[in-house]
N, C-alpha and C. Protein backbone atom coordinates (compact mmCIF):
# COMPACT_ATOMS: atom_id res chain seq x y z
N MET A 1 109.31 103.94 164.76
CA MET A 1 110.87 103.98 164.67
C MET A 1 110.80 105.46 163.87
N GLN A 2 111.79 106.15 164.59
CA GLN A 2 111.92 107.63 164.24
C GLN A 2 113.14 107.74 163.59
N ARG A 3 113.02 108.75 162.59
CA ARG A 3 114.47 109.17 161.78
C ARG A 3 114.55 110.77 161.95
N ARG A 4 115.60 111.14 161.39
CA ARG A 4 115.83 112.63 161.12
C ARG A 4 115.46 112.99 160.02
N GLY A 5 114.70 113.97 159.85
CA GLY A 5 114.37 114.61 158.57
C GLY A 5 115.41 115.64 157.99
N SER A 6 115.19 116.09 157.02
CA SER A 6 116.36 116.91 156.43
C SER A 6 116.62 118.15 157.09
N ASP A 7 115.72 118.49 158.06
CA ASP A 7 115.90 119.63 158.90
C ASP A 7 116.41 119.29 160.07
N GLY A 8 116.82 117.99 160.36
CA GLY A 8 117.41 117.52 161.59
C GLY A 8 116.51 117.09 162.75
N SER A 9 115.17 117.23 162.54
CA SER A 9 114.29 117.19 163.43
C SER A 9 114.00 115.63 163.52
N ALA A 10 113.44 115.18 164.84
CA ALA A 10 112.92 113.53 164.64
C ALA A 10 111.57 113.47 164.03
N LYS A 11 111.60 112.55 163.18
CA LYS A 11 110.29 112.32 162.34
C LYS A 11 110.16 110.77 162.22
N THR A 12 108.72 110.41 161.94
CA THR A 12 108.41 109.15 161.81
C THR A 12 107.98 108.81 160.48
N PRO A 13 108.31 107.58 159.84
CA PRO A 13 107.95 107.22 158.51
C PRO A 13 106.34 106.77 158.72
N TYR A 14 105.76 107.34 157.62
CA TYR A 14 104.36 106.85 157.34
C TYR A 14 104.28 106.25 155.99
N LEU A 15 103.64 105.27 155.62
CA LEU A 15 103.47 104.89 154.50
C LEU A 15 102.20 105.57 154.01
N THR A 16 102.24 106.07 152.67
CA THR A 16 101.19 106.82 152.04
C THR A 16 100.71 106.52 150.73
N VAL A 17 99.62 106.70 149.99
CA VAL A 17 99.26 106.51 148.71
C VAL A 17 98.62 107.52 148.11
N TYR A 18 98.94 107.91 146.92
CA TYR A 18 98.06 108.95 146.33
C TYR A 18 97.30 108.07 145.20
N ASP A 19 95.87 108.02 145.57
CA ASP A 19 95.15 107.05 144.56
C ASP A 19 94.63 107.92 143.36
N TYR A 20 95.00 107.69 142.37
CA TYR A 20 94.45 108.58 141.13
C TYR A 20 93.31 107.91 140.23
N GLY A 21 93.01 106.91 140.98
CA GLY A 21 91.78 106.16 140.17
C GLY A 21 92.04 104.80 139.62
N GLN A 22 93.03 104.99 138.78
CA GLN A 22 93.69 103.75 138.17
C GLN A 22 94.93 103.08 138.60
N GLY A 23 95.41 103.44 139.67
CA GLY A 23 96.63 103.17 140.59
C GLY A 23 96.77 104.06 141.52
N GLY A 24 98.01 103.86 141.99
CA GLY A 24 98.30 104.79 143.26
C GLY A 24 99.82 105.04 143.16
N ILE A 25 100.19 106.13 143.81
CA ILE A 25 101.67 106.51 143.74
C ILE A 25 101.99 106.43 145.43
N TRP A 26 103.04 105.60 145.62
CA TRP A 26 103.18 104.98 146.93
C TRP A 26 104.63 105.85 147.26
N ARG A 27 104.47 106.54 148.76
CA ARG A 27 105.67 107.01 149.33
C ARG A 27 105.55 106.93 150.74
N VAL A 28 106.82 106.84 151.39
CA VAL A 28 107.08 106.85 152.69
C VAL A 28 107.23 108.29 152.89
N ILE A 29 106.52 108.81 153.76
CA ILE A 29 106.82 110.41 154.21
C ILE A 29 107.38 110.53 155.49
N LEU A 30 108.25 110.98 155.92
CA LEU A 30 108.91 111.45 157.17
C LEU A 30 108.20 112.75 157.65
N ALA A 31 107.60 112.50 158.76
CA ALA A 31 106.59 113.79 159.34
C ALA A 31 106.63 113.49 160.95
N ARG A 32 106.15 114.68 161.48
CA ARG A 32 106.30 114.61 162.89
C ARG A 32 104.89 113.82 163.42
N SER A 33 103.89 113.76 162.57
CA SER A 33 102.75 112.97 162.78
C SER A 33 101.81 112.89 161.75
N ALA A 34 101.13 111.79 161.67
CA ALA A 34 100.15 111.44 160.63
C ALA A 34 99.20 112.87 160.44
N ASP A 35 98.56 113.39 161.39
CA ASP A 35 98.08 114.65 161.41
C ASP A 35 98.74 115.76 160.67
N GLN A 36 99.94 115.72 160.74
CA GLN A 36 100.75 116.77 160.00
C GLN A 36 100.67 116.50 158.17
N ILE A 37 100.93 115.28 158.09
CA ILE A 37 100.53 114.83 156.61
C ILE A 37 99.19 115.09 156.13
N ALA A 38 97.99 114.75 157.02
CA ALA A 38 96.81 115.00 156.70
C ALA A 38 96.35 116.54 156.40
N ALA A 39 97.10 117.32 157.20
CA ALA A 39 96.78 118.78 157.20
C ALA A 39 97.47 119.40 155.86
N ARG A 40 98.80 118.93 155.56
CA ARG A 40 99.44 119.49 154.26
C ARG A 40 98.97 118.77 153.09
N TYR A 41 98.89 117.66 153.02
CA TYR A 41 98.51 116.91 151.98
C TYR A 41 97.05 115.89 152.17
N PRO A 42 95.80 116.50 152.16
CA PRO A 42 94.70 115.61 152.42
C PRO A 42 94.54 114.76 151.45
N GLU A 43 95.24 115.05 149.95
CA GLU A 43 94.84 114.04 149.01
C GLU A 43 95.51 112.61 149.38
N LEU A 44 96.55 112.49 150.16
CA LEU A 44 97.17 111.20 150.45
C LEU A 44 96.38 110.36 151.69
N LYS A 45 96.39 109.30 151.37
CA LYS A 45 95.79 108.31 152.22
C LYS A 45 96.98 107.83 152.97
N ILE A 46 96.92 107.64 154.42
CA ILE A 46 98.06 107.16 155.53
C ILE A 46 97.47 105.79 155.86
N LEU A 47 98.32 104.94 155.61
CA LEU A 47 98.15 103.66 156.10
C LEU A 47 98.93 103.38 157.33
N SER A 48 98.04 102.58 158.29
CA SER A 48 98.64 102.09 159.56
C SER A 48 99.69 100.74 159.21
N ALA A 49 99.41 100.38 158.26
CA ALA A 49 100.13 98.88 157.75
C ALA A 49 100.06 98.90 156.22
N PRO A 50 100.96 98.27 155.65
CA PRO A 50 100.93 97.91 154.51
C PRO A 50 99.84 96.93 153.89
N PRO A 51 99.18 97.33 152.91
CA PRO A 51 98.01 96.39 152.37
C PRO A 51 98.47 94.92 152.21
N ASP A 52 97.57 94.09 152.36
CA ASP A 52 98.04 92.50 152.22
C ASP A 52 98.34 92.06 151.11
N TRP A 53 98.15 92.69 149.95
CA TRP A 53 98.80 92.46 148.76
C TRP A 53 100.35 92.95 148.69
N MET A 54 100.70 93.93 149.36
CA MET A 54 102.22 94.31 149.14
C MET A 54 103.17 93.34 149.84
N SER A 55 104.10 93.07 149.18
CA SER A 55 105.25 92.18 149.74
C SER A 55 106.15 92.81 150.50
N ASP A 56 106.71 92.17 151.31
CA ASP A 56 107.90 92.84 152.05
C ASP A 56 108.99 93.31 151.00
N GLU A 57 109.24 92.81 150.06
CA GLU A 57 110.22 93.23 148.95
C GLU A 57 109.69 94.44 148.43
N GLN A 58 108.28 94.71 148.00
CA GLN A 58 107.80 95.95 147.73
C GLN A 58 107.91 97.11 148.58
N LEU A 59 107.52 96.95 149.93
CA LEU A 59 107.61 97.73 150.84
C LEU A 59 109.25 98.10 151.07
N ARG A 60 110.27 97.37 150.93
CA ARG A 60 111.45 97.77 151.17
C ARG A 60 111.82 98.82 149.83
N GLU A 61 111.38 98.32 148.79
CA GLU A 61 111.81 99.20 147.50
C GLU A 61 110.96 100.65 147.72
N ILE A 62 109.96 100.73 148.22
CA ILE A 62 109.33 102.02 148.64
C ILE A 62 110.17 102.83 149.68
N GLU A 63 110.51 102.14 150.55
CA GLU A 63 111.12 102.72 151.71
C GLU A 63 112.62 103.11 151.25
N GLN A 64 113.08 102.52 150.27
CA GLN A 64 114.52 102.54 150.23
C GLN A 64 114.63 103.84 148.93
N HIS A 65 113.70 103.80 147.94
CA HIS A 65 113.69 104.76 146.73
C HIS A 65 112.68 105.83 146.64
N SER A 66 111.64 105.71 147.82
CA SER A 66 110.44 106.74 147.68
C SER A 66 110.27 107.31 149.04
N THR A 67 111.25 107.62 149.88
CA THR A 67 110.88 108.17 151.25
C THR A 67 111.41 109.65 150.96
N VAL A 68 110.36 110.39 151.32
CA VAL A 68 110.47 111.81 151.19
C VAL A 68 110.16 112.62 152.66
N ASP A 69 110.86 113.48 152.78
CA ASP A 69 110.73 114.50 154.10
C ASP A 69 109.40 115.69 153.60
N ILE A 70 108.54 115.57 154.63
CA ILE A 70 107.60 116.35 154.57
C ILE A 70 107.84 117.82 154.41
N ASP A 71 109.13 118.08 154.81
CA ASP A 71 109.71 119.70 154.82
C ASP A 71 110.40 119.87 153.71
N ASP A 72 110.60 119.12 152.70
CA ASP A 72 111.47 119.24 151.50
C ASP A 72 110.47 119.84 150.56
N HIS A 73 110.48 120.94 150.41
CA HIS A 73 109.52 121.80 149.38
C HIS A 73 109.98 121.51 148.01
N GLY A 74 111.27 121.04 147.92
CA GLY A 74 111.53 121.02 146.44
C GLY A 74 111.39 119.54 145.81
N GLU A 75 110.92 118.66 146.86
CA GLU A 75 110.77 117.50 146.57
C GLU A 75 109.69 117.33 145.40
N PRO A 76 109.95 116.55 144.12
CA PRO A 76 109.07 116.44 143.10
C PRO A 76 107.59 116.24 143.35
N PHE A 77 107.48 115.05 143.95
CA PHE A 77 106.18 114.49 144.28
C PHE A 77 105.42 115.41 145.07
N LEU A 78 105.79 115.75 146.08
CA LEU A 78 105.23 116.85 147.15
C LEU A 78 104.83 118.02 146.30
N ALA A 79 105.62 118.46 145.59
CA ALA A 79 105.64 119.68 144.75
C ALA A 79 104.56 119.71 143.85
N ALA A 80 104.45 118.45 142.96
CA ALA A 80 103.29 118.24 142.04
C ALA A 80 101.84 118.24 142.73
N LEU A 81 101.93 117.61 143.94
CA LEU A 81 100.74 117.63 144.66
C LEU A 81 100.20 119.14 145.00
N ARG A 82 100.98 120.05 145.43
CA ARG A 82 100.86 121.45 145.53
C ARG A 82 100.36 122.33 144.38
N THR A 83 101.07 121.97 143.19
CA THR A 83 100.99 122.49 141.96
C THR A 83 99.70 122.00 141.61
N GLN A 84 99.02 120.92 141.88
CA GLN A 84 97.96 120.30 141.29
C GLN A 84 96.71 121.06 141.94
N ARG A 85 96.90 121.46 143.31
CA ARG A 85 95.97 122.26 143.95
C ARG A 85 95.94 123.76 143.59
N GLY A 86 97.10 124.18 142.87
CA GLY A 86 97.16 125.61 142.51
C GLY A 86 97.82 126.18 143.61
N GLU A 87 98.61 125.67 144.38
CA GLU A 87 99.47 126.35 145.38
C GLU A 87 101.03 126.51 144.79
N ALA A 88 101.48 127.79 145.10
CA ALA A 88 102.70 128.18 144.62
C ALA A 88 103.81 127.47 145.72
N ASP A 89 104.83 127.04 144.98
CA ASP A 89 105.92 126.19 145.72
C ASP A 89 106.58 126.97 146.93
N GLY A 90 106.86 126.37 147.89
CA GLY A 90 107.66 127.00 148.80
C GLY A 90 106.79 127.00 150.02
């Protein structure tokens, strides 16, 4: 299923997780491809399907409240990943 990103381009939602060792931060990222996510944010794991333990309700919550556009450079979660790597915003 494609959606329109913040820049108006067609993008596909991908379920991702940032595993920090004692848990994970889940996001749906709108991107042109999984490869685009892997290239920009190699610290994220891209899932082809939700894990068995994740309920439909949990997935809906992530989709509703934690969907971000890969091109939104001001998005706090993506900015934090870049900062963690020592990259400047933008």
